[in-house]
Amino acid sequence: MPIQYKDSIMDSTVNCRTNGSLFDVSHMCGLSLKGKDCVPFLEKLVVADVAGLSPGSGTLTVFTNEKGGAIDDSIVTKVKDDHIYIVVNAGCRDKDLAHIESHMKAFKARGGDVDWQIHDDRSLLALQGPLAAPTLQKLTKEDLSKLYFSSFRMIDINGSPCYITRTGYTGEDGFEISVPSDHAVDLTKAILDGGEGKLRLTGLGARDSLRLEAGLCLYGNDMEQDITPVEAGIAWTIGKRDGQRVDFLVLRSY
């Protein structure tokens, strides 16, 4: 993603708040965990109560090391009880995948049923702002008013099979759309055309100012491997079940 397109960072920031923005975040890594034990496996690695999520819903969470430091923050979605969809940060991709793979090997060696698929054949678009929903609604038969915050669906958009989550990184209403890469350009053009000149491609500079205004953390700045979710101010991401914290990695190291 470039720092900016033709508009200034200020103009792009204001336009996202007043109209809308389309971000190409295909550098981020999407992957799926599948198998009957994918939920208990993931709960060993992240702080969220994944089992407590309803199918088709997701949450922000944090992968932690044995000392409680943040390896990465991530959006995890329970598609079904045997399918978890995850999006991790591009800059953390290699260490995240290595961390997941090493623990998966040990988990499977103990008889656990889990496998993974890395979605390198898909691109990711983030459509944000007041015009996001009405513009995207023109491109799908699904009723997007029934897709609530943090909800996930697999639907056709502009004739392409997409994974769509109502979420974002701007503080505005919006969607993150995983689309087959060979359909990504067509979908981008269709969204921009549907915005009738008010939706604009927006870069990393405005994305950073928007997330700052919304009070959202940036990995590598607000949290790191020696900073815990509590120290980063996102203790609310730590799941509890029946009054007890979920059994994630750091708890089992003591």
Protein backbone atom coordinates (compact mmCIF):
# COMPACT_ATOMS: atom_id res chain seq x y z
CA MET A 1 0.00 0.00 0.00
CA PRO A 2 1.44 3.43 -0.90
CA ILE A 3 1.66 6.19 1.69
CA GLN A 4 -0.82 8.18 -0.40
CA TYR A 5 -2.40 8.36 -3.83
CA LYS A 6 -3.05 11.67 -5.61
CA ASP A 7 -4.87 13.23 -2.63
CA SER A 8 -2.99 14.60 0.36
CA ILE A 9 -3.06 12.61 3.60
CA MET A 10 -5.26 15.29 5.17
CA ASP A 11 -7.73 15.29 2.26
CA SER A 12 -7.86 11.48 2.28
CA THR A 13 -8.49 11.40 6.03
CA VAL A 14 -11.33 13.92 5.81
CA ASN A 15 -12.85 12.18 2.79
CA CYS A 16 -12.98 8.86 4.64
CA ARG A 17 -14.90 10.53 7.46
CA THR A 18 -17.32 12.40 5.18
CA ASN A 19 -17.68 10.02 2.22
CA GLY A 20 -15.51 6.92 2.16
CA SER A 21 -12.21 5.28 1.30
CA LEU A 22 -11.06 2.08 -0.35
CA PHE A 23 -7.80 0.61 0.94
CA ASP A 24 -5.87 -2.15 -0.82
CA VAL A 25 -4.62 -4.17 2.15
CA SER A 26 -3.70 -7.26 0.15
CA HIS A 27 -0.26 -7.25 1.77
CA MET A 28 -1.93 -8.64 4.91
CA CYS A 29 -2.07 -12.41 5.33
CA GLY A 30 -5.34 -14.31 5.44
CA LEU A 31 -5.43 -17.94 6.52
CA SER A 32 -7.89 -20.57 7.66
CA LEU A 33 -7.62 -23.18 10.38
CA LYS A 34 -9.81 -26.22 9.80
CA GLY A 35 -10.59 -29.41 11.70
CA LYS A 36 -12.71 -30.40 14.68
CA ASP A 37 -10.02 -29.18 17.10
CA CYS A 38 -9.20 -25.86 15.42
CA VAL A 39 -10.92 -23.84 18.16
CA PRO A 40 -9.12 -25.39 21.17
CA PHE A 41 -5.86 -25.23 19.20
CA LEU A 42 -6.20 -21.51 18.50
CA GLU A 43 -7.19 -20.80 22.10
CA LYS A 44 -3.73 -22.01 23.14
CA LEU A 45 -2.16 -19.21 21.09
CA VAL A 46 -4.45 -16.16 21.42
CA VAL A 47 -6.11 -14.41 24.35
CA ALA A 48 -9.67 -14.46 22.94
CA ASP A 49 -12.52 -16.71 24.02
CA VAL A 50 -12.79 -18.24 20.54
CA ALA A 51 -15.14 -20.99 21.70
CA GLY A 52 -17.54 -18.33 22.95
CA LEU A 53 -17.88 -16.74 19.52
CA SER A 54 -21.03 -17.51 17.59
CA PRO A 55 -20.53 -18.97 14.10
CA GLY A 56 -20.14 -16.09 11.68
CA SER A 57 -18.68 -13.68 14.24
CA GLY A 58 -15.19 -12.50 15.07
CA THR A 59 -13.09 -10.40 17.40
CA LEU A 60 -9.77 -8.62 17.76
CA THR A 61 -7.25 -10.74 19.63
CA VAL A 62 -3.53 -11.02 20.34
CA PHE A 63 -1.06 -13.85 19.77
CA THR A 64 1.18 -13.96 22.84
CA ASN A 65 4.48 -15.56 23.73
CA GLU A 66 5.17 -17.46 26.95
CA LYS A 67 5.84 -14.20 28.82
CA GLY A 68 2.60 -12.60 27.71
CA GLY A 69 4.22 -10.29 25.16
CA ALA A 70 2.38 -9.60 21.93
CA ILE A 71 3.60 -11.53 18.90
CA ASP A 72 0.90 -9.87 16.79
CA ASP A 73 -2.66 -8.61 16.96
CA SER A 74 -5.19 -10.19 14.64
CA ILE A 75 -8.84 -10.45 13.71
CA VAL A 76 -10.11 -14.01 14.18
CA THR A 77 -13.50 -15.18 12.94
CA LYS A 78 -15.31 -18.39 13.75
CA VAL A 79 -16.78 -19.27 10.36
CA LYS A 80 -18.03 -22.58 11.76
CA ASP A 81 -17.04 -24.73 14.72
CA ASP A 82 -14.47 -26.45 12.49
CA HIS A 83 -13.29 -23.41 10.51
CA ILE A 84 -11.51 -20.29 11.78
CA TYR A 85 -10.55 -17.42 9.46
CA ILE A 86 -7.63 -15.21 10.56
CA VAL A 87 -6.03 -12.05 9.18
CA VAL A 88 -2.54 -11.20 10.47
CA ASN A 89 -0.30 -8.21 9.86
CA ALA A 90 1.98 -8.25 6.83
CA GLY A 91 5.07 -7.28 8.80
CA CYS A 92 4.49 -10.15 11.23
CA ARG A 93 3.56 -12.77 8.64
CA ASP A 94 6.74 -14.85 8.78
CA LYS A 95 6.99 -15.03 12.57
CA ASP A 96 3.21 -15.56 12.95
CA LEU A 97 3.15 -18.46 10.51
CA ALA A 98 6.26 -20.02 12.07
CA HIS A 99 4.69 -19.69 15.54
CA ILE A 100 1.41 -21.27 14.42
CA GLU A 101 3.15 -24.04 12.51
CA SER A 102 5.45 -25.04 15.37
CA HIS A 103 2.55 -25.30 17.83
CA MET A 104 0.38 -27.06 15.25
CA LYS A 105 2.97 -29.80 14.79
CA ALA A 106 3.06 -30.43 18.54
CA PHE A 107 -0.74 -30.29 18.78
CA LYS A 108 -1.22 -32.77 15.94
CA ALA A 109 1.44 -35.07 17.41
CA ARG A 110 -0.80 -35.34 20.48
CA GLY A 111 -3.72 -36.39 18.27
CA GLY A 112 -5.31 -32.99 17.63
CA ASP A 113 -7.32 -32.54 14.44
CA VAL A 114 -6.31 -29.22 12.86
CA ASP A 115 -4.83 -28.10 9.56
CA TRP A 116 -4.41 -24.79 7.78
CA GLN A 117 -4.67 -23.04 4.44
CA ILE A 118 -2.85 -19.80 3.64
CA HIS A 119 -4.92 -17.69 1.25
CA ASP A 120 -2.17 -16.39 -1.02
CA ASP A 121 -4.61 -16.64 -3.94
CA ARG A 122 -6.87 -13.95 -2.45
CA SER A 123 -6.63 -10.16 -2.16
CA LEU A 124 -8.01 -8.01 0.65
CA LEU A 125 -9.87 -4.71 0.24
CA ALA A 126 -11.06 -2.48 3.09
CA LEU A 127 -14.04 -0.26 2.27
CA GLN A 128 -14.62 2.33 4.99
CA GLY A 129 -16.79 5.37 5.65
CA PRO A 130 -20.42 6.53 5.46
CA LEU A 131 -20.80 5.46 1.82
CA ALA A 132 -19.33 1.99 2.35
CA ALA A 133 -22.59 0.13 2.98
CA PRO A 134 -24.80 1.82 0.35
CA THR A 135 -22.08 1.47 -2.29
CA LEU A 136 -21.36 -2.18 -1.58
CA GLN A 137 -25.08 -2.98 -1.41
CA LYS A 138 -25.32 -2.16 -5.13
CA LEU A 139 -22.95 -5.04 -5.88
CA THR A 140 -24.59 -7.88 -3.94
CA LYS A 141 -28.01 -9.44 -3.43
CA GLU A 142 -27.27 -10.04 0.26
CA ASP A 143 -28.92 -7.64 2.73
CA LEU A 144 -25.91 -5.91 4.29
CA SER A 145 -28.10 -4.28 6.93
CA LYS A 146 -28.26 -7.74 8.53
CA LEU A 147 -24.45 -7.97 8.63
CA TYR A 148 -23.62 -6.49 12.02
CA PHE A 149 -20.27 -5.30 13.41
CA SER A 150 -17.69 -8.13 13.52
CA SER A 151 -20.03 -10.42 11.57
CA PHE A 152 -18.70 -12.57 8.73
CA ARG A 153 -20.32 -14.02 5.62
CA MET A 154 -19.29 -15.82 2.44
CA ILE A 155 -21.24 -14.06 -0.31
CA ASP A 156 -21.06 -13.08 -3.98
CA ILE A 157 -20.04 -9.48 -4.61
CA ASN A 158 -19.91 -8.23 -8.19
CA GLY A 159 -20.08 -11.87 -9.28
CA SER A 160 -17.08 -12.95 -7.18
CA PRO A 161 -17.09 -15.35 -4.19
CA CYS A 162 -15.97 -13.18 -1.28
CA TYR A 163 -15.35 -13.41 2.45
CA ILE A 164 -16.74 -10.26 4.01
CA THR A 165 -16.41 -8.99 7.57
CA ARG A 166 -18.03 -5.84 8.92
CA THR A 167 -14.97 -4.33 10.53
CA GLY A 168 -12.10 -1.98 9.79
CA TYR A 169 -9.21 0.06 11.09
CA THR A 170 -10.55 3.60 10.79
CA GLY A 171 -13.28 4.02 13.40
CA GLU A 172 -15.83 4.24 10.58
CA ASP A 173 -18.43 1.71 9.52
CA GLY A 174 -17.08 -0.53 6.81
CA PHE A 175 -16.08 -3.91 5.47
CA GLU A 176 -12.99 -5.98 4.84
CA ILE A 177 -13.47 -8.03 1.69
CA SER A 178 -11.35 -11.04 0.74
CA VAL A 179 -11.72 -11.63 -2.99
CA PRO A 180 -9.98 -14.03 -5.42
CA SER A 181 -6.98 -12.09 -6.70
CA ASP A 182 -7.96 -12.49 -10.35
CA HIS A 183 -11.22 -10.63 -9.54
CA ALA A 184 -9.69 -7.92 -7.34
CA VAL A 185 -9.17 -5.26 -10.02
CA ASP A 186 -12.71 -5.64 -11.35
CA LEU A 187 -14.16 -5.38 -7.85
CA THR A 188 -12.05 -2.32 -7.08
CA LYS A 189 -13.30 -0.59 -10.24
CA ALA A 190 -16.91 -1.54 -9.48
CA ILE A 191 -16.70 -0.12 -5.94
CA LEU A 192 -15.11 3.13 -7.10
CA ASP A 193 -17.66 3.49 -9.91
CA GLY A 194 -20.47 2.84 -7.44
CA GLY A 195 -19.14 5.62 -5.22
CA GLU A 196 -19.75 8.11 -8.04
CA GLY A 197 -16.49 9.96 -7.47
CA LYS A 198 -16.91 10.30 -3.70
CA LEU A 199 -15.08 7.10 -2.75
CA ARG A 200 -11.33 7.33 -3.23
CA LEU A 201 -8.37 5.00 -3.11
CA THR A 202 -6.57 5.82 0.12
CA GLY A 203 -3.07 5.04 1.34
CA LEU A 204 -1.17 4.17 4.49
CA GLY A 205 -0.75 7.77 5.68
CA ALA A 206 -4.47 8.42 6.07
CA ARG A 207 -5.02 4.91 7.42
CA ASP A 208 -2.59 5.73 10.22
CA SER A 209 -4.19 9.09 11.06
CA LEU A 210 -7.65 7.49 11.01
CA ARG A 211 -6.67 4.68 13.37
CA LEU A 212 -4.98 7.20 15.70
CA GLU A 213 -8.17 9.26 15.88
CA ALA A 214 -10.10 6.06 16.64
CA GLY A 215 -7.64 5.03 19.38
CA LEU A 216 -6.65 1.79 17.67
CA CYS A 217 -3.29 0.14 18.38
CA LEU A 218 -0.55 -0.34 15.81
CA TYR A 219 1.70 -3.36 16.22
CA GLY A 220 5.35 -2.36 16.41
CA ASN A 221 4.39 1.00 17.88
CA ASP A 222 1.85 0.47 20.68
CA MET A 223 2.65 -3.17 21.36
CA GLU A 224 5.58 -5.51 20.83
CA GLN A 225 6.91 -8.84 22.01
CA ASP A 226 7.82 -7.33 25.39
CA ILE A 227 4.51 -5.45 25.80
CA THR A 228 1.45 -7.35 27.02
CA PRO A 229 -2.14 -6.67 25.93
CA VAL A 230 -2.77 -5.18 29.39
CA GLU A 231 0.18 -2.79 29.06
CA ALA A 232 -1.00 -1.87 25.55
CA GLY A 233 -4.39 -0.84 26.94
CA ILE A 234 -6.39 -3.64 25.31
CA ALA A 235 -7.04 -5.88 28.31
CA TRP A 236 -10.63 -6.16 27.04
CA THR A 237 -9.36 -8.56 24.35
CA ILE A 238 -8.52 -11.15 27.03
CA GLY A 239 -11.38 -13.62 27.03
CA LYS A 240 -13.09 -15.00 30.09
CA ARG A 241 -15.29 -18.06 30.38
CA ASP A 242 -17.47 -18.62 33.46
CA GLY A 243 -15.42 -16.01 35.29
CA GLN A 244 -12.11 -17.65 34.40
CA ARG A 245 -9.56 -16.49 31.86
CA VAL A 246 -9.22 -18.66 28.77
CA ASP A 247 -6.25 -21.08 28.89
CA PHE A 248 -3.92 -19.34 26.45
CA LEU A 249 -0.18 -19.86 26.11
CA VAL A 250 1.16 -17.53 28.81
CA LEU A 251 -1.07 -19.03 31.52
CA ARG A 252 0.31 -22.49 30.87
CA SER A 253 3.91 -21.30 31.26
CA TYR A 254 3.57 -20.79 35.03
